[in-house]
Protein backbone atom coordinates (compact mmCIF):
# COMPACT_ATOMS: atom_id res chain seq x y z
CA ALA A 1 -19.40 18.96 -28.29
CA THR A 2 -16.31 17.51 -29.59
CA HIS A 3 -16.08 15.31 -26.62
CA ALA A 4 -20.27 14.82 -26.87
CA GLY A 5 -19.45 13.75 -31.21
CA ALA A 6 -16.51 12.09 -29.60
CA LEU A 7 -18.48 9.91 -26.75
CA THR A 8 -21.53 9.15 -29.41
CA MET A 9 -19.26 7.45 -32.01
CA THR A 10 -17.97 5.39 -29.20
CA ALA A 11 -21.31 4.28 -28.54
CA VAL A 12 -22.34 3.74 -32.74
CA ALA A 13 -19.16 1.83 -32.55
CA TYR A 14 -20.27 -0.30 -30.39
CA LEU A 15 -23.26 -0.35 -31.67
CA TYR A 16 -22.88 -1.64 -34.98
CA ALA A 17 -20.27 -4.41 -33.79
CA ARG A 18 -22.81 -6.17 -32.03
CA ARG A 19 -25.73 -5.96 -34.71
CA TYR A 20 -23.09 -6.95 -37.56
CA ALA A 21 -21.52 -9.50 -35.38
CA ARG A 22 -21.94 -12.33 -37.55
CA ASP A 23 -22.07 -10.61 -40.68
CA ASP A 24 -20.25 -12.73 -43.55
CA ARG A 25 -19.12 -9.56 -44.75
CA PHE A 26 -16.10 -9.25 -42.12
CA THR A 27 -14.02 -11.88 -42.24
CA PHE A 28 -12.34 -11.85 -38.97
CA GLY A 29 -15.30 -9.86 -37.23
CA THR A 30 -16.16 -6.19 -36.31
CA GLY A 31 -13.67 -6.29 -33.45
CA LYS A 32 -11.78 -3.05 -35.10
CA LEU A 33 -14.84 -1.33 -35.40
CA GLY A 34 -13.97 -0.10 -32.09
CA GLU A 35 -10.32 0.14 -32.80
CA LEU A 36 -11.08 2.28 -36.09
CA ALA A 37 -13.70 4.87 -33.75
CA GLY A 38 -10.97 5.15 -31.08
CA TYR A 39 -8.51 6.09 -33.52
CA SER A 40 -11.31 8.60 -34.68
CA SER A 41 -11.17 9.94 -31.49
CA ALA A 42 -7.94 10.70 -31.05
CA MET A 43 -7.67 12.80 -33.66
CA ILE A 44 -10.27 14.72 -32.20
CA LEU A 45 -8.66 14.83 -29.20
CA ALA A 46 -5.34 16.31 -31.06
CA ILE A 47 -7.47 18.91 -32.83
CA VAL A 48 -9.14 20.02 -29.42
CA ALA A 49 -5.36 20.25 -27.62
CA VAL A 50 -4.52 21.78 -30.60
CA GLY A 51 -7.01 24.63 -30.73
CA ILE A 52 -6.64 24.77 -26.32
CA GLY A 53 -3.14 25.86 -26.82
CA VAL A 54 -3.51 28.33 -29.97
CA GLU A 55 -6.34 29.80 -28.03
CA SER A 56 -4.18 29.84 -24.45
CA VAL A 57 -0.86 31.30 -26.89
CA ALA A 58 -3.41 34.07 -28.33
CA ARG A 59 -4.51 34.58 -24.24
CA LEU A 60 -1.17 35.31 -22.93
CA THR A 61 -0.51 38.07 -26.03
CA ALA A 62 -3.44 39.74 -25.46
CA PRO A 63 -5.39 38.75 -21.93
CA ILE A 64 -9.16 39.79 -22.05
CA SER A 65 -11.23 40.45 -19.00
CA ILE A 66 -12.67 37.38 -16.84
CA ARG A 67 -15.96 36.79 -15.21
CA PHE A 68 -14.30 34.63 -12.84
CA ASP A 69 -17.73 33.86 -10.05
CA GLU A 70 -19.46 32.48 -13.22
CA ALA A 71 -16.54 31.14 -14.48
CA ILE A 72 -15.92 28.87 -11.35
CA THR A 73 -19.10 27.86 -11.11
CA VAL A 74 -18.83 26.43 -14.38
CA ALA A 75 -15.77 24.76 -13.98
CA ALA A 76 -16.66 23.41 -11.15
CA LEU A 77 -19.77 22.26 -12.10
CA GLY A 78 -17.80 20.20 -15.14
CA LEU A 79 -15.28 18.65 -12.77
CA ILE A 80 -17.95 16.81 -11.08
CA ALA A 81 -20.07 16.00 -14.46
CA ASN A 82 -16.65 14.94 -15.52
CA GLY A 83 -15.37 13.26 -12.84
CA VAL A 84 -18.77 11.07 -12.05
CA SER A 85 -17.93 9.96 -15.93
CA ALA A 86 -14.96 8.71 -16.08
CA TRP A 87 -15.20 6.66 -12.87
CA LEU A 88 -18.40 4.68 -13.99
CA LEU A 89 -15.90 5.10 -17.49
CA GLN A 90 -13.18 2.96 -15.75
CA GLU A 91 -15.30 0.44 -13.69
CA GLY A 92 -16.48 -0.03 -17.16
CA GLY A 93 -13.47 -0.39 -18.73
CA GLN A 94 -12.42 -3.42 -15.66
CA HIS A 95 -14.71 -5.40 -18.38
CA ASP A 96 -13.35 -3.78 -21.27
CA HIS A 97 -13.37 -7.16 -23.22
CA ASP A 98 -16.98 -8.04 -22.60
CA HIS A 99 -17.70 -4.68 -24.32
CA GLY A 100 -15.49 -5.67 -27.05
CA ASP A 101 -16.35 -8.14 -30.44
CA ASP A 102 -18.35 -10.74 -29.40
CA SER A 103 -18.17 -12.49 -32.89
CA HIS A 104 -16.34 -15.13 -31.28
CA ASP A 105 -17.09 -17.20 -28.48
CA ALA A 106 -13.44 -18.92 -28.48
CA CYS A 107 -11.15 -18.27 -24.77
CA VAL A 108 -9.25 -15.35 -24.57
CA HIS A 109 -5.11 -15.97 -24.61
CA PRO A 110 -4.24 -14.71 -21.24
CA ALA A 111 -2.07 -12.16 -23.30
CA ALA A 112 -4.55 -10.62 -25.26
CA HIS A 113 -6.63 -9.34 -21.68
CA ARG A 114 -3.29 -6.99 -21.76
CA HIS A 115 -5.17 -5.19 -24.94
CA GLN A 116 -7.34 -2.33 -23.74
CA ASP A 117 -10.45 -2.33 -24.91
CA HIS A 118 -9.56 1.03 -27.18
CA ASN A 119 -12.77 2.67 -27.83
CA LEU A 120 -13.73 2.43 -24.23
CA ARG A 121 -10.24 4.29 -23.50
CA SER A 122 -10.81 6.75 -25.95
CA ALA A 123 -14.35 7.37 -24.69
CA TYR A 124 -12.17 7.70 -21.02
CA PHE A 125 -10.12 9.64 -21.80
CA HIS A 126 -12.56 12.34 -23.48
CA VAL A 127 -14.07 12.93 -20.23
CA LEU A 128 -10.53 12.56 -18.22
CA THR A 129 -9.12 15.73 -20.29
CA ASP A 130 -12.48 17.46 -19.54
CA ALA A 131 -12.28 16.46 -15.92
CA LEU A 132 -8.45 17.59 -16.43
CA THR A 133 -9.17 21.37 -18.27
CA SER A 134 -11.71 21.85 -15.08
CA VAL A 135 -9.31 21.61 -11.98
CA LEU A 136 -6.75 23.47 -14.51
CA ALA A 137 -9.67 25.96 -14.90
CA ILE A 138 -10.31 26.02 -11.60
CA VAL A 139 -6.52 26.64 -10.35
CA ALA A 140 -6.39 29.56 -12.77
CA LEU A 141 -9.33 31.24 -11.73
CA LEU A 142 -8.84 31.22 -7.93
CA THR A 143 -4.97 32.65 -8.48
CA GLY A 144 -6.43 35.39 -10.88
CA ARG A 145 -9.38 35.92 -9.06
CA PHE A 146 -7.71 36.68 -5.67
CA TYR A 147 -4.14 37.78 -6.40
CA GLY A 148 -5.18 39.24 -10.34
CA TRP A 149 -2.83 36.95 -12.02
CA LEU A 150 -4.52 36.65 -15.24
CA TRP A 151 -1.82 35.19 -17.12
CA MET A 152 -2.35 31.67 -15.21
CA ASP A 153 -5.73 31.07 -17.53
CA PRO A 154 -4.03 30.38 -20.63
CA LEU A 155 -0.76 29.08 -18.67
CA MET A 156 -3.16 26.44 -17.60
CA GLY A 157 -4.73 26.11 -20.93
CA LEU A 158 -1.34 24.45 -22.25
CA VAL A 159 -0.15 22.75 -19.83
CA GLY A 160 -3.67 20.68 -20.31
CA SER A 161 -2.95 21.32 -23.80
CA ILE A 162 0.45 18.90 -23.55
CA VAL A 163 -0.94 16.52 -21.02
CA ILE A 164 -3.91 16.35 -24.46
CA VAL A 165 -1.69 15.96 -26.66
CA ARG A 166 0.46 13.10 -25.05
CA TRP A 167 -2.57 11.09 -24.57
CA SER A 168 -3.68 11.62 -27.37
CA TRP A 169 -0.74 10.48 -29.59
CA GLY A 170 -0.41 7.38 -27.41
CA LEU A 171 -3.91 6.31 -28.16
CA LEU A 172 -3.21 7.06 -31.78
CA ARG A 173 -0.25 4.68 -31.14
CA GLY A 174 -2.09 1.88 -29.73
CA THR A 175 -4.71 1.53 -32.53
CA GLY A 176 -3.15 2.14 -35.35
CA THR A 177 -0.45 -0.52 -34.16
CA VAL A 178 -4.31 -3.43 -34.45
CA LEU A 179 -5.80 -1.87 -37.75
CA LEU A 180 -2.11 -2.26 -39.57
CA ASP A 181 -2.14 -5.71 -37.89
CA THR A 182 1.38 -5.25 -36.40
CA MET A 183 2.61 -7.97 -34.25
CA PRO A 184 0.45 -7.90 -31.07
CA ASP A 185 2.05 -10.58 -28.79
CA ARG A 186 5.50 -11.36 -29.06
CA PRO A 187 6.09 -14.28 -26.63
CA LEU A 188 3.34 -15.80 -27.47
CA SER A 189 4.57 -16.03 -31.30
CA GLU A 190 8.21 -17.60 -29.85
CA GLN A 191 5.01 -19.95 -28.05
CA ILE A 192 3.45 -21.21 -31.05
CA ARG A 193 6.72 -21.80 -32.91
CA SER A 194 8.44 -23.85 -30.24
CA SER A 195 4.95 -25.87 -29.51
CA LEU A 196 4.97 -26.74 -33.56
CA GLU A 197 8.70 -27.21 -34.20
CA GLU A 198 8.96 -30.90 -33.13
CA ASN A 199 10.25 -33.88 -34.78
CA GLY A 200 11.74 -32.14 -37.52
CA ASP A 201 8.66 -29.99 -38.01
CA ARG A 202 9.62 -26.32 -39.14
CA VAL A 203 7.21 -23.21 -38.94
CA GLY A 204 7.48 -21.98 -42.56
CA ASP A 205 5.03 -18.90 -41.78
CA LEU A 206 3.90 -17.16 -39.20
CA HIS A 207 0.97 -14.18 -38.92
CA LEU A 208 -0.73 -13.98 -36.10
CA TRP A 209 -2.48 -10.58 -35.62
CA ARG A 210 -5.15 -9.11 -33.17
CA VAL A 211 -9.09 -8.68 -34.41
CA GLY A 212 -10.40 -7.48 -31.90
CA PRO A 213 -10.40 -6.79 -27.41
CA GLY A 214 -9.07 -9.87 -26.26
CA HIS A 215 -9.68 -12.14 -29.46
CA MET A 216 -6.59 -13.30 -31.33
CA ALA A 217 -5.69 -14.78 -34.78
CA VAL A 218 -3.44 -16.51 -35.90
CA ILE A 219 -1.97 -18.98 -39.24
CA VAL A 220 0.77 -21.02 -39.41
CA SER A 221 2.37 -22.56 -42.25
CA VAL A 222 4.31 -25.61 -41.08
CA VAL A 223 6.37 -28.20 -43.15
CA SER A 224 7.57 -31.62 -41.92
CA ASP A 225 9.24 -34.69 -43.16
CA HIS A 226 6.58 -36.37 -41.42
CA PRO A 227 3.14 -34.53 -42.17
CA GLN A 228 0.13 -34.89 -39.94
CA ALA A 229 -3.02 -33.88 -40.32
CA PRO A 230 -3.71 -29.94 -39.64
CA SER A 231 -6.10 -31.02 -36.48
CA HIS A 232 -3.36 -32.41 -34.50
CA TYR A 233 -1.09 -28.93 -34.72
CA LYS A 234 -4.06 -27.46 -34.03
CA ALA A 235 -4.50 -29.20 -31.02
CA LYS A 236 -1.14 -28.84 -30.32
CA LEU A 237 -2.27 -24.79 -30.37
CA GLN A 238 -5.25 -25.16 -28.12
CA GLU A 239 -2.80 -26.85 -25.57
CA LEU A 240 -1.03 -23.45 -25.95
CA SER A 241 -3.42 -21.33 -25.69
CA ALA A 242 -7.43 -20.80 -27.37
CA PHE A 243 -8.07 -18.59 -30.59
CA SER A 244 -10.39 -16.67 -32.38
CA HIS A 245 -9.79 -17.91 -35.53
CA MET A 246 -7.10 -20.49 -36.31
CA THR A 247 -5.93 -22.06 -40.37
CA ILE A 248 -2.65 -24.62 -40.25
CA GLU A 249 -0.90 -25.20 -43.24
CA VAL A 250 0.38 -28.78 -44.20
CA HIS A 251 3.31 -28.57 -46.20
CA PRO A 252 5.92 -32.18 -46.56
CA CYS A 253 9.71 -31.36 -47.41
CA GLU A 254 10.49 -31.49 -50.80
CA HIS A 255 12.97 -34.98 -50.00
CA ALA A 256 10.08 -36.73 -48.56
CA GLN A 257 7.62 -36.14 -51.20
CA GLU A 258 10.36 -36.98 -54.00
CA ALA A 259 10.80 -40.01 -51.44
CA ALA A 260 7.20 -41.04 -51.53
CA SER A 261 7.10 -40.59 -54.74
CA LYS A 262 9.85 -43.11 -55.49
CA VAL A 263 8.23 -45.83 -53.07
CA ALA A 264 4.71 -45.91 -55.05
CA LEU A 265 6.46 -46.24 -58.13
CA ARG A 266 8.11 -48.93 -56.60
CA MET A 267 5.20 -50.63 -55.57
CA ARG A 268 3.91 -50.71 -59.19
């Protein structure tokens, strides 16, 4: 039920993001809805893992009888269903940026492709964890059925719990960094600085963040002795990369302003 709910959350996030992609209320588009859904899904995954771990510990201390034949059949069917689902989601993941925020038509910087669609990734992890628990369950049930090792059932539960917690933690970190607007690509940030800091121009302030799967935004403040129009600096960045959103502020140096004022007074 929790996995079905998480997959429903994934689908709703995509539908909502596409429906309101052009809505002015979302200043930078709806790309982060997938990150929010992925973060929530990772939390559900972590809760499921903790639940499995607690139940496993309880069964280690108080073993119960198991109907092996029925349980093995259910686990095998679950493995087939989840294996097919994981394969389908992995195939979709090859084109995960096509499923992401389509609120911008700009091209995508090659480095942005390294950032996965966390909403799709969370759905993939949910079915993958189901498949993993099915495999572990089959191993535990077979050993219990033929060797009488009832302790294998809770032991495999603990193993699965630990693996799922690690997956969910990685997903929480990935989605959390995007939601908190951390620097997504430091090499790209350095390239932006080097491209703009020419002929005495200096970058006074730089903000680079991710607004959706495969979409980056940048705000740069340039200080110059000989300021040019913002379009001049935008052209430099477009040669470097294409951004879904770009804002360039241009400020003349203080001494340049003073010199210009003196020239203006002389002309008067």
